[in-house]
Every structure is written in C-alpha cells, then in structure tokens.
Amino acid sequence: MSTSSARTRQRVARNFIRTYGRTRFRRLLDALSSTESGQVIADEFGVSRERVRQWKNTFGEVFTYYRLHPEIERILKERNPPPRESEVA
C-alpha cells in the first residue's frame, strides 16, 4: 500500500465526514459491510450507485470465501470412505 493511496483514502473519508457527518459515515460503513444494495445506499445518501461503488472501493475491501457446512466437514474427517452408490442397494 502506498502512502499516496492511504492519504487519498483519508482525504475522501474526511470529506465525507465534513459533508455528511461522522454518524452517517458509520452508517455508510455498516451498510457496505452488511452488503446492502448499492441502490438502497445511493437513495439514502442522495447520490448515484457509481458514487457508492467508489466509496466502497475507497474505504475497504471485499473478501469472498466459501465455508463448508459442519456436516460436510465431518464427512471429510471420517476415516472410512462412504460406500459407493452402486454398493448401496
């Protein structure tokens, strides 16, 4: 991460707070982190979806991951493989 990028993010955040206030900044960050619709956020703040997308990219990162259900994890940990479907009948 470059210091230039960090300064830009800080400047944009301070501008947002100056325009909308700290409480609304927290609201925006909560909305972004809970994956609310960009259109819903845009309507709430009176801006375009593109502006919301820019804020989203400026203020944080999106991480997507795949988590197995516990019952599938248990199957993976079993010592004996399950019988083949052709063997079950």
N, C-alpha and C. Protein backbone atom coordinates (compact mmCIF):
# COMPACT_ATOMS: atom_id res chain seq x y z
N MET A 1 0.85 -1.18 0.00
CA MET A 1 0.00 0.00 0.00
C MET A 1 0.88 1.23 0.00
N SER A 2 0.64 2.10 -0.91
CA SER A 2 1.44 3.31 -0.98
C SER A 2 0.88 4.36 -0.02
N THR A 3 1.76 5.22 0.44
CA THR A 3 1.32 6.29 1.34
C THR A 3 0.41 7.26 0.60
N SER A 4 0.61 7.39 -0.71
CA SER A 4 -0.25 8.24 -1.52
C SER A 4 -1.69 7.72 -1.50
N SER A 5 -1.86 6.41 -1.65
CA SER A 5 -3.20 5.81 -1.61
C SER A 5 -3.83 5.99 -0.24
N ALA A 6 -3.03 5.81 0.79
CA ALA A 6 -3.55 5.98 2.15
C ALA A 6 -3.99 7.42 2.38
N ARG A 7 -3.21 8.36 1.90
CA ARG A 7 -3.58 9.78 2.05
C ARG A 7 -4.87 10.09 1.29
N THR A 8 -5.00 9.51 0.10
CA THR A 8 -6.22 9.73 -0.69
C THR A 8 -7.43 9.19 0.06
N ARG A 9 -7.32 7.98 0.60
CA ARG A 9 -8.43 7.39 1.36
C ARG A 9 -8.80 8.27 2.55
N GLN A 10 -7.79 8.76 3.26
CA GLN A 10 -8.05 9.62 4.42
C GLN A 10 -8.73 10.91 3.99
N ARG A 11 -8.28 11.49 2.90
CA ARG A 11 -8.88 12.74 2.40
C ARG A 11 -10.33 12.53 2.04
N VAL A 12 -10.62 11.44 1.33
CA VAL A 12 -12.00 11.15 0.93
C VAL A 12 -12.86 10.91 2.17
N ALA A 13 -12.35 10.19 3.15
CA ALA A 13 -13.10 9.93 4.38
C ALA A 13 -13.38 11.24 5.13
N ARG A 14 -12.39 12.09 5.24
CA ARG A 14 -12.59 13.38 5.93
C ARG A 14 -13.59 14.25 5.17
N ASN A 15 -13.53 14.24 3.86
CA ASN A 15 -14.50 14.99 3.05
C ASN A 15 -15.92 14.45 3.27
N PHE A 16 -16.03 13.13 3.33
CA PHE A 16 -17.34 12.53 3.57
C PHE A 16 -17.87 12.98 4.93
N ILE A 17 -17.05 12.91 5.95
CA ILE A 17 -17.47 13.30 7.30
C ILE A 17 -17.85 14.77 7.34
N ARG A 18 -17.08 15.59 6.66
CA ARG A 18 -17.39 17.03 6.61
C ARG A 18 -18.76 17.26 5.95
N THR A 19 -19.08 16.49 4.93
CA THR A 19 -20.32 16.67 4.19
C THR A 19 -21.52 16.03 4.90
N TYR A 20 -21.35 14.80 5.39
CA TYR A 20 -22.48 14.02 5.91
C TYR A 20 -22.46 13.83 7.43
N GLY A 21 -21.31 14.00 8.05
CA GLY A 21 -21.19 13.78 9.49
C GLY A 21 -20.65 12.40 9.82
N ARG A 22 -20.11 12.29 11.01
CA ARG A 22 -19.49 11.04 11.47
C ARG A 22 -20.51 9.91 11.63
N THR A 23 -21.70 10.25 12.11
CA THR A 23 -22.73 9.22 12.30
C THR A 23 -23.14 8.61 10.96
N ARG A 24 -23.29 9.45 9.95
CA ARG A 24 -23.65 8.95 8.62
C ARG A 24 -22.50 8.17 7.99
N PHE A 25 -21.25 8.53 8.33
CA PHE A 25 -20.09 7.78 7.84
C PHE A 25 -20.14 6.36 8.42
N ARG A 26 -20.42 6.27 9.71
CA ARG A 26 -20.54 4.94 10.34
C ARG A 26 -21.68 4.17 9.69
N ARG A 27 -22.79 4.84 9.41
CA ARG A 27 -23.93 4.20 8.76
C ARG A 27 -23.54 3.66 7.38
N LEU A 28 -22.80 4.46 6.61
CA LEU A 28 -22.34 4.01 5.30
C LEU A 28 -21.47 2.77 5.43
N LEU A 29 -20.52 2.80 6.34
CA LEU A 29 -19.61 1.66 6.50
C LEU A 29 -20.37 0.42 6.95
N ASP A 30 -21.35 0.60 7.84
CA ASP A 30 -22.18 -0.55 8.26
C ASP A 30 -22.98 -1.10 7.08
N ALA A 31 -23.53 -0.20 6.26
CA ALA A 31 -24.32 -0.64 5.10
C ALA A 31 -23.44 -1.39 4.11
N LEU A 32 -22.24 -0.88 3.87
CA LEU A 32 -21.32 -1.54 2.95
C LEU A 32 -20.90 -2.90 3.48
N SER A 33 -20.61 -2.98 4.76
CA SER A 33 -20.13 -4.26 5.31
C SER A 33 -21.24 -5.29 5.43
N SER A 34 -22.49 -4.84 5.47
CA SER A 34 -23.59 -5.80 5.53
C SER A 34 -24.15 -6.08 4.13
N THR A 35 -23.43 -5.66 3.12
CA THR A 35 -23.76 -5.89 1.70
C THR A 35 -25.15 -5.39 1.31
N GLU A 36 -25.55 -4.25 1.86
CA GLU A 36 -26.80 -3.64 1.41
C GLU A 36 -26.65 -3.25 -0.06
N SER A 37 -27.75 -3.19 -0.74
CA SER A 37 -27.75 -2.84 -2.16
C SER A 37 -27.17 -1.45 -2.38
N GLY A 38 -26.35 -1.33 -3.41
CA GLY A 38 -25.79 -0.04 -3.77
C GLY A 38 -26.87 0.99 -4.08
N GLN A 39 -27.97 0.53 -4.67
CA GLN A 39 -29.08 1.45 -4.98
C GLN A 39 -29.75 1.95 -3.71
N VAL A 40 -29.93 1.07 -2.74
CA VAL A 40 -30.54 1.47 -1.47
C VAL A 40 -29.66 2.51 -0.77
N ILE A 41 -28.36 2.26 -0.75
CA ILE A 41 -27.42 3.20 -0.14
C ILE A 41 -27.42 4.52 -0.90
N ALA A 42 -27.40 4.43 -2.22
CA ALA A 42 -27.41 5.65 -3.04
C ALA A 42 -28.65 6.49 -2.76
N ASP A 43 -29.80 5.83 -2.67
CA ASP A 43 -31.04 6.56 -2.39
C ASP A 43 -30.98 7.22 -1.02
N GLU A 44 -30.45 6.51 -0.05
CA GLU A 44 -30.35 7.05 1.31
C GLU A 44 -29.47 8.29 1.38
N PHE A 45 -28.36 8.28 0.63
CA PHE A 45 -27.41 9.39 0.69
C PHE A 45 -27.63 10.42 -0.42
N GLY A 46 -28.56 10.15 -1.31
CA GLY A 46 -28.84 11.09 -2.38
C GLY A 46 -27.73 11.21 -3.41
N VAL A 47 -27.09 10.07 -3.70
CA VAL A 47 -26.00 10.02 -4.67
C VAL A 47 -26.27 8.90 -5.67
N SER A 48 -25.39 8.75 -6.64
CA SER A 48 -25.52 7.68 -7.63
C SER A 48 -24.94 6.37 -7.10
N ARG A 49 -25.35 5.27 -7.73
CA ARG A 49 -24.75 3.97 -7.39
C ARG A 49 -23.25 3.99 -7.67
N GLU A 50 -22.85 4.72 -8.70
CA GLU A 50 -21.43 4.82 -9.02
C GLU A 50 -20.66 5.47 -7.88
N ARG A 51 -21.22 6.50 -7.26
CA ARG A 51 -20.55 7.13 -6.12
C ARG A 51 -20.43 6.14 -4.96
N VAL A 52 -21.49 5.37 -4.73
CA VAL A 52 -21.44 4.35 -3.66
C VAL A 52 -20.35 3.34 -3.97
N ARG A 53 -20.26 2.92 -5.23
CA ARG A 53 -19.21 1.96 -5.62
C ARG A 53 -17.82 2.55 -5.37
N GLN A 54 -17.65 3.83 -5.69
CA GLN A 54 -16.36 4.50 -5.45
C GLN A 54 -16.04 4.54 -3.95
N TRP A 55 -17.02 4.89 -3.14
CA TRP A 55 -16.81 4.90 -1.69
C TRP A 55 -16.43 3.50 -1.20
N LYS A 56 -17.16 2.51 -1.69
CA LYS A 56 -16.91 1.13 -1.27
C LYS A 56 -15.46 0.73 -1.56
N ASN A 57 -14.99 1.06 -2.75
CA ASN A 57 -13.61 0.72 -3.13
C ASN A 57 -12.58 1.55 -2.37
N THR A 58 -12.94 2.76 -1.99
CA THR A 58 -12.01 3.64 -1.29
C THR A 58 -11.87 3.27 0.18
N PHE A 59 -12.97 2.91 0.82
CA PHE A 59 -12.97 2.73 2.27
C PHE A 59 -12.68 1.31 2.73
N GLY A 60 -12.64 0.35 1.85
CA GLY A 60 -12.38 -1.01 2.31
C GLY A 60 -12.21 -1.98 1.15
N GLU A 61 -12.18 -3.25 1.51
CA GLU A 61 -12.02 -4.33 0.54
C GLU A 61 -13.11 -5.37 0.76
N VAL A 62 -13.50 -6.02 -0.29
CA VAL A 62 -14.48 -7.10 -0.21
C VAL A 62 -13.73 -8.42 -0.26
N PHE A 63 -14.03 -9.29 0.70
CA PHE A 63 -13.45 -10.63 0.72
C PHE A 63 -14.58 -11.63 0.59
N THR A 64 -14.44 -12.57 -0.34
CA THR A 64 -15.43 -13.61 -0.52
C THR A 64 -14.76 -14.94 -0.20
N TYR A 65 -15.44 -15.77 0.57
CA TYR A 65 -14.88 -17.08 0.88
C TYR A 65 -15.98 -18.12 0.90
N TYR A 66 -15.59 -19.34 0.77
CA TYR A 66 -16.51 -20.47 0.75
C TYR A 66 -16.29 -21.28 2.01
N ARG A 67 -17.32 -21.45 2.80
CA ARG A 67 -17.20 -22.20 4.05
C ARG A 67 -18.09 -23.42 3.97
N LEU A 68 -17.52 -24.56 4.30
CA LEU A 68 -18.29 -25.80 4.29
C LEU A 68 -19.26 -25.85 5.46
N HIS A 69 -20.38 -26.53 5.25
CA HIS A 69 -21.31 -26.79 6.34
C HIS A 69 -20.65 -27.79 7.29
N PRO A 70 -20.94 -27.71 8.59
CA PRO A 70 -20.30 -28.61 9.57
C PRO A 70 -20.46 -30.09 9.23
N GLU A 71 -21.64 -30.48 8.73
CA GLU A 71 -21.84 -31.90 8.43
C GLU A 71 -20.95 -32.37 7.29
N ILE A 72 -20.60 -31.49 6.36
CA ILE A 72 -19.69 -31.84 5.28
C ILE A 72 -18.26 -31.94 5.80
N GLU A 73 -17.91 -31.04 6.70
CA GLU A 73 -16.58 -31.13 7.32
C GLU A 73 -16.42 -32.44 8.06
N ARG A 74 -17.48 -32.89 8.75
CA ARG A 74 -17.41 -34.17 9.48
C ARG A 74 -17.18 -35.32 8.52
N ILE A 75 -17.84 -35.29 7.36
CA ILE A 75 -17.65 -36.35 6.37
C ILE A 75 -16.19 -36.38 5.91
N LEU A 76 -15.60 -35.22 5.71
CA LEU A 76 -14.21 -35.17 5.28
C LEU A 76 -13.27 -35.77 6.32
N LYS A 77 -13.64 -35.68 7.58
CA LYS A 77 -12.78 -36.18 8.67
C LYS A 77 -12.98 -37.66 8.96
N GLU A 78 -13.99 -38.27 8.33
CA GLU A 78 -14.24 -39.69 8.57
C GLU A 78 -13.06 -40.52 8.07
N ARG A 79 -12.77 -41.61 8.79
CA ARG A 79 -11.66 -42.48 8.41
C ARG A 79 -12.03 -43.39 7.25
N ASN A 80 -13.26 -43.92 7.26
CA ASN A 80 -13.70 -44.84 6.22
C ASN A 80 -14.50 -44.07 5.18
N PRO A 81 -14.18 -44.27 3.92
CA PRO A 81 -14.94 -43.58 2.87
C PRO A 81 -16.37 -44.11 2.84
N PRO A 82 -17.33 -43.28 2.48
CA PRO A 82 -18.71 -43.77 2.39
C PRO A 82 -18.82 -44.78 1.25
N PRO A 83 -19.76 -45.72 1.36
CA PRO A 83 -19.91 -46.69 0.28
C PRO A 83 -20.37 -46.03 -1.01
N ARG A 84 -19.96 -46.62 -2.12
CA ARG A 84 -20.38 -46.10 -3.42
C ARG A 84 -21.86 -46.37 -3.60
N GLU A 85 -22.49 -45.53 -4.41
CA GLU A 85 -23.92 -45.71 -4.62
C GLU A 85 -24.23 -47.08 -5.20
N SER A 86 -23.34 -47.61 -6.02
CA SER A 86 -23.57 -48.94 -6.61
C SER A 86 -23.52 -50.04 -5.56
N GLU A 87 -22.85 -49.77 -4.41
CA GLU A 87 -22.74 -50.75 -3.33
C GLU A 87 -23.91 -50.65 -2.36
N VAL A 88 -24.66 -49.55 -2.44
CA VAL A 88 -25.80 -49.35 -1.55
C VAL A 88 -27.04 -49.74 -2.29
N ALA A 89 -27.71 -50.78 -1.87
CA ALA A 89 -28.97 -51.17 -2.52
C ALA A 89 -29.63 -52.28 -1.78
